[in-house]
Amino acid sequence: MSKFEFSPLYAGTLVINDASSLFKTSIEMSIPFRSSLGAIENAALDEFLAKNEAFSKQANKSQKSEYSEDLKLLEKERKSFWKEVNRITKSYVKSADPMKRAAAETVQAFIDPYSMIDDLSLNSKTGVISEIMGKYRQNIKVQQAAALIGLDTSFGGMETKNVGFHTLYNSRNDEYAAHETPSTLLKPATVASYNQFCTAIEQAANLTPNESIITLFHKLDELRKTYHALSGTKDVPPVDGTTK
């Protein structure tokens, strides 16, 4: 049995912008490790780069919309509320007031699992913020702690902007759905090259390992876990037989 095996991810089921984000981030992670990769891994990366270049250009064209500027503003605003939550929480963790310090520690423990939120694609972030607010609304202790240090309005503001973003994002999807065909046609080949690259890294980690390859393996695997958790595939492979 292989010691290193990537977490499952059916990249073929991802929507265009999520796939584009996954591929872009995977490439950005991998480029710095080029000198530590073998000939096969570099060849797989080269092909992945070529396929993704064509795919990403078409994906970017298909996602231009009259809603884009409003979406950028809503993203900026919800991001600002999230930064405010983190900033104020951290400041009160050091408070001399034991009640406010304890409240801040409660909020900090609540938001800590979501530290990666700004690394996600925009619609993936929408789902995570919805999850945060769902758990927030169900947790009276966290709500009371947030209110004590003045963060109840920040959480509420983030929720409002997130709902607005989700609504507008869906409207934009309806607008450009008809224009997605070119990037959709390019997607299977890019998915295949991504899978081939991951296979090459997985095999290198098991057969010709070095510290850099193992590090890259773990970085790529964490990214795969993130997108698998957000893909809604429930471990069911797509019809085209894509397995990773």
Protein backbone atom coordinates (compact mmCIF):
# COMPACT_ATOMS: atom_id res chain seq x y z
CA MET A 1 0.00 0.00 0.00
CA SER A 2 1.26 3.47 -0.86
CA LYS A 3 2.26 5.63 2.05
CA PHE A 4 1.10 8.77 0.29
CA GLU A 5 -2.31 8.87 -1.35
CA PHE A 6 -4.21 12.00 -2.28
CA SER A 7 -7.60 12.65 -0.74
CA PRO A 8 -10.44 12.04 -3.21
CA LEU A 9 -11.53 14.97 -5.33
CA TYR A 10 -13.77 14.68 -8.39
CA ALA A 11 -12.52 17.81 -10.10
CA GLY A 12 -14.80 17.19 -13.07
CA THR A 13 -17.85 17.98 -10.91
CA LEU A 14 -16.64 21.44 -9.90
CA VAL A 15 -18.34 24.43 -11.49
CA ILE A 16 -16.21 26.47 -13.89
CA ASN A 17 -15.01 29.14 -11.48
CA ASP A 18 -14.25 26.65 -8.69
CA ALA A 19 -12.29 24.49 -11.12
CA SER A 20 -10.44 27.56 -12.36
CA SER A 21 -9.57 28.56 -8.80
CA LEU A 22 -8.40 25.03 -7.93
CA PHE A 23 -6.16 24.80 -11.00
CA LYS A 24 -4.72 28.31 -10.54
CA THR A 25 -3.89 27.73 -6.87
CA SER A 26 -2.43 24.27 -7.55
CA ILE A 27 -0.11 25.73 -10.18
CA GLU A 28 0.93 28.63 -7.95
CA MET A 29 1.75 26.13 -5.18
CA SER A 30 3.75 23.89 -7.51
CA ILE A 31 5.90 26.35 -9.48
CA PRO A 32 8.30 27.11 -6.57
CA PHE A 33 9.07 23.37 -6.29
CA ARG A 34 10.02 22.88 -9.95
CA SER A 35 13.73 22.43 -9.28
CA SER A 36 12.98 19.57 -6.87
CA LEU A 37 10.69 17.73 -9.27
CA GLY A 38 11.84 14.96 -11.59
CA ALA A 39 11.46 14.88 -15.36
CA ILE A 40 8.07 13.14 -15.27
CA GLU A 41 6.59 15.50 -12.69
CA ASN A 42 7.86 18.54 -14.60
CA ALA A 43 6.46 17.18 -17.87
CA ALA A 44 3.08 16.65 -16.19
CA LEU A 45 3.22 20.19 -14.80
CA ASP A 46 4.08 21.61 -18.23
CA GLU A 47 1.05 19.93 -19.78
CA PHE A 48 -1.15 21.08 -16.90
CA LEU A 49 0.08 24.66 -17.40
CA ALA A 50 -0.67 24.55 -21.13
CA LYS A 51 -4.15 23.09 -20.73
CA ASN A 52 -5.03 25.47 -17.92
CA GLU A 53 -3.85 28.54 -19.85
CA ALA A 54 -6.44 27.94 -22.56
CA PHE A 55 -9.12 26.96 -20.03
CA SER A 56 -8.56 29.96 -17.74
CA LYS A 57 -8.65 32.46 -20.62
CA GLN A 58 -11.99 31.14 -21.78
CA ALA A 59 -13.32 30.88 -18.22
CA ASN A 60 -12.41 34.52 -17.58
CA LYS A 61 -14.22 35.60 -20.73
CA SER A 62 -17.34 33.66 -19.78
CA GLN A 63 -17.48 35.25 -16.34
CA LYS A 64 -17.54 38.92 -17.42
CA SER A 65 -20.84 40.42 -16.35
CA GLU A 66 -22.65 43.65 -15.58
CA TYR A 67 -22.97 42.32 -12.03
CA SER A 68 -19.23 42.02 -11.50
CA GLU A 69 -18.65 45.45 -9.96
CA ASP A 70 -21.52 45.05 -7.49
CA LEU A 71 -20.19 41.60 -6.57
CA LYS A 72 -16.73 43.07 -5.97
CA LEU A 73 -18.25 45.66 -3.63
CA LEU A 74 -20.24 43.06 -1.69
CA GLU A 75 -17.16 40.85 -1.42
CA LYS A 76 -15.13 43.79 -0.12
CA GLU A 77 -17.81 44.59 2.45
CA ARG A 78 -18.28 41.05 3.76
CA LYS A 79 -14.49 40.64 3.88
CA SER A 80 -14.28 43.86 5.89
CA PHE A 81 -16.78 42.55 8.44
CA TRP A 82 -14.81 39.29 8.75
CA LYS A 83 -11.57 41.22 9.31
CA GLU A 84 -13.35 43.32 11.91
CA VAL A 85 -14.50 40.21 13.76
CA ASN A 86 -10.94 38.87 13.82
CA ARG A 87 -9.33 42.20 14.73
CA ILE A 88 -11.67 43.04 17.59
CA THR A 89 -11.60 39.48 18.92
CA LYS A 90 -7.79 39.48 19.05
CA SER A 91 -7.74 42.85 20.81
CA TYR A 92 -10.11 41.67 23.55
CA VAL A 93 -8.21 38.42 24.08
CA LYS A 94 -5.61 40.67 25.73
CA SER A 95 -8.18 42.70 27.69
CA ALA A 96 -7.71 43.38 31.38
CA ASP A 97 -11.45 42.84 31.84
CA PRO A 98 -11.81 39.10 32.64
CA MET A 99 -15.39 38.91 31.31
CA LYS A 100 -14.51 40.51 27.97
CA ARG A 101 -11.34 38.43 27.74
CA ALA A 102 -13.34 35.24 28.29
CA ALA A 103 -15.91 36.37 25.72
CA ALA A 104 -13.15 37.02 23.19
CA GLU A 105 -11.66 33.60 23.81
CA THR A 106 -15.08 32.03 23.15
CA VAL A 107 -15.41 33.89 19.85
CA GLN A 108 -11.80 33.09 18.93
CA ALA A 109 -12.39 29.37 19.41
CA PHE A 110 -15.50 29.65 17.24
CA ILE A 111 -13.82 31.42 14.29
CA ASP A 112 -10.43 29.62 14.39
CA PRO A 113 -11.53 26.71 12.12
CA TYR A 114 -12.31 29.24 9.38
CA SER A 115 -8.93 30.95 9.13
CA MET A 116 -8.60 29.76 5.48
CA ILE A 117 -11.72 31.58 4.31
CA ASP A 118 -9.91 34.26 2.29
CA ASP A 119 -8.11 31.58 0.26
CA LEU A 120 -11.37 30.23 -1.15
CA SER A 121 -13.06 31.13 -4.42
CA LEU A 122 -15.86 33.64 -4.01
CA ASN A 123 -18.87 31.34 -4.18
CA SER A 124 -17.09 28.76 -2.00
CA LYS A 125 -16.57 31.51 0.56
CA THR A 126 -20.31 32.22 0.41
CA GLY A 127 -21.03 28.66 1.50
CA VAL A 128 -18.52 28.82 4.33
CA ILE A 129 -19.89 32.14 5.62
CA SER A 130 -23.39 30.64 5.50
CA GLU A 131 -22.06 27.74 7.57
CA ILE A 132 -20.45 30.14 10.05
CA MET A 133 -23.65 32.11 10.49
CA GLY A 134 -25.77 28.97 10.75
CA LYS A 135 -23.63 27.73 13.61
CA TYR A 136 -23.52 31.21 15.12
CA ARG A 137 -27.31 31.43 15.18
CA GLN A 138 -27.50 28.05 16.92
CA ASN A 139 -24.89 28.87 19.57
CA ILE A 140 -26.29 31.15 22.27
CA LYS A 141 -22.98 31.20 24.13
CA VAL A 142 -21.10 32.54 21.11
CA GLN A 143 -23.86 35.08 20.40
CA GLN A 144 -23.70 36.37 23.97
CA ALA A 145 -19.90 36.52 23.85
CA ALA A 146 -19.98 38.42 20.55
CA ALA A 147 -22.51 40.89 21.92
CA LEU A 148 -20.39 41.51 25.01
CA ILE A 149 -17.44 42.68 22.91
CA GLY A 150 -19.57 44.49 20.34
CA LEU A 151 -19.37 41.97 17.52
CA ASP A 152 -23.04 41.06 17.15
CA THR A 153 -23.50 43.81 14.53
CA SER A 154 -20.33 42.69 12.72
CA PHE A 155 -21.59 39.12 12.41
CA GLY A 156 -24.99 40.41 11.34
CA GLY A 157 -23.46 42.73 8.75
CA MET A 158 -21.36 39.93 7.31
CA GLU A 159 -24.45 37.73 7.05
CA THR A 160 -26.43 40.45 5.25
CA LYS A 161 -23.66 41.10 2.73
CA ASN A 162 -23.19 37.38 2.20
CA VAL A 163 -26.88 36.86 1.43
CA GLY A 164 -26.73 39.77 -0.98
CA PHE A 165 -23.63 38.34 -2.62
CA HIS A 166 -25.27 34.94 -3.00
CA THR A 167 -28.38 36.43 -4.62
CA LEU A 168 -26.39 38.56 -7.05
CA TYR A 169 -23.98 35.73 -7.80
CA ASN A 170 -26.89 33.52 -8.83
CA SER A 171 -28.19 36.30 -11.07
CA ARG A 172 -24.80 36.54 -12.73
CA ASN A 173 -24.72 32.77 -13.19
CA ASP A 174 -28.05 32.95 -15.01
CA GLU A 175 -26.69 35.72 -17.21
CA TYR A 176 -23.54 33.98 -18.41
CA ALA A 177 -24.68 30.36 -18.31
CA ALA A 178 -25.29 30.46 -22.04
CA HIS A 179 -21.75 31.71 -22.63
CA GLU A 180 -20.01 28.96 -20.64
CA THR A 181 -19.93 26.43 -23.45
CA PRO A 182 -16.37 27.18 -24.72
CA SER A 183 -14.80 26.87 -21.25
CA THR A 184 -16.96 23.83 -20.52
CA LEU A 185 -15.57 22.13 -23.61
CA LEU A 186 -12.01 22.84 -22.45
CA LYS A 187 -12.65 21.70 -18.88
CA PRO A 188 -12.36 17.88 -19.31
CA ALA A 189 -8.87 18.12 -20.85
CA THR A 190 -7.74 20.45 -18.06
CA VAL A 191 -9.21 18.16 -15.41
CA ALA A 192 -7.36 15.23 -17.01
CA SER A 193 -4.06 17.12 -16.98
CA TYR A 194 -4.64 18.14 -13.35
CA ASN A 195 -5.30 14.51 -12.42
CA GLN A 196 -2.21 13.40 -14.32
CA PHE A 197 -0.06 15.94 -12.49
CA CYS A 198 -1.46 14.86 -9.10
CA THR A 199 -0.76 11.23 -9.99
CA ALA A 200 2.82 12.13 -10.88
CA ILE A 201 3.33 13.92 -7.55
CA GLU A 202 1.71 11.05 -5.63
CA GLN A 203 4.00 8.51 -7.31
CA ALA A 204 7.06 10.68 -6.72
CA ALA A 205 6.17 11.02 -3.04
CA ASN A 206 6.08 7.23 -2.77
CA LEU A 207 8.85 6.16 -5.16
CA THR A 208 11.38 9.02 -5.37
CA PRO A 209 10.64 11.17 -2.32
CA ASN A 210 12.53 14.19 -1.12
CA GLU A 211 11.58 16.84 1.43
CA SER A 212 10.29 19.28 -1.19
CA ILE A 213 8.09 16.73 -2.95
CA ILE A 214 6.59 15.61 0.37
CA THR A 215 5.89 19.25 1.27
CA LEU A 216 4.24 19.88 -2.08
CA PHE A 217 2.20 16.68 -1.73
CA HIS A 218 0.77 17.85 1.59
CA LYS A 219 0.01 21.36 0.26
CA LEU A 220 -1.85 19.97 -2.73
CA ASP A 221 -3.68 17.46 -0.55
CA GLU A 222 -4.95 20.17 1.82
CA LEU A 223 -6.23 22.08 -1.19
CA ARG A 224 -7.98 18.95 -2.49
CA LYS A 225 -9.67 18.47 0.89
CA THR A 226 -10.98 22.02 0.79
CA TYR A 227 -12.50 21.66 -2.66
CA HIS A 228 -13.85 18.18 -1.94
CA ALA A 229 -15.64 19.51 1.14
CA LEU A 230 -17.20 22.29 -0.92
CA SER A 231 -18.02 20.32 -4.06
CA GLY A 232 -21.09 18.50 -2.73
CA THR A 233 -20.10 15.31 -4.57
CA LYS A 234 -20.68 13.03 -1.54
CA ASP A 235 -17.95 10.76 -2.92
CA VAL A 236 -19.96 9.90 -6.05
CA PRO A 237 -17.74 9.99 -9.17
CA PRO A 238 -19.07 11.80 -12.25
CA VAL A 239 -20.39 10.00 -15.31
CA ASP A 240 -17.22 10.69 -17.29
CA GLY A 241 -15.28 8.39 -14.94
CA THR A 242 -13.01 11.03 -13.46
CA THR A 243 -11.67 9.57 -10.23
CA LYS A 244 -9.61 12.36 -8.77
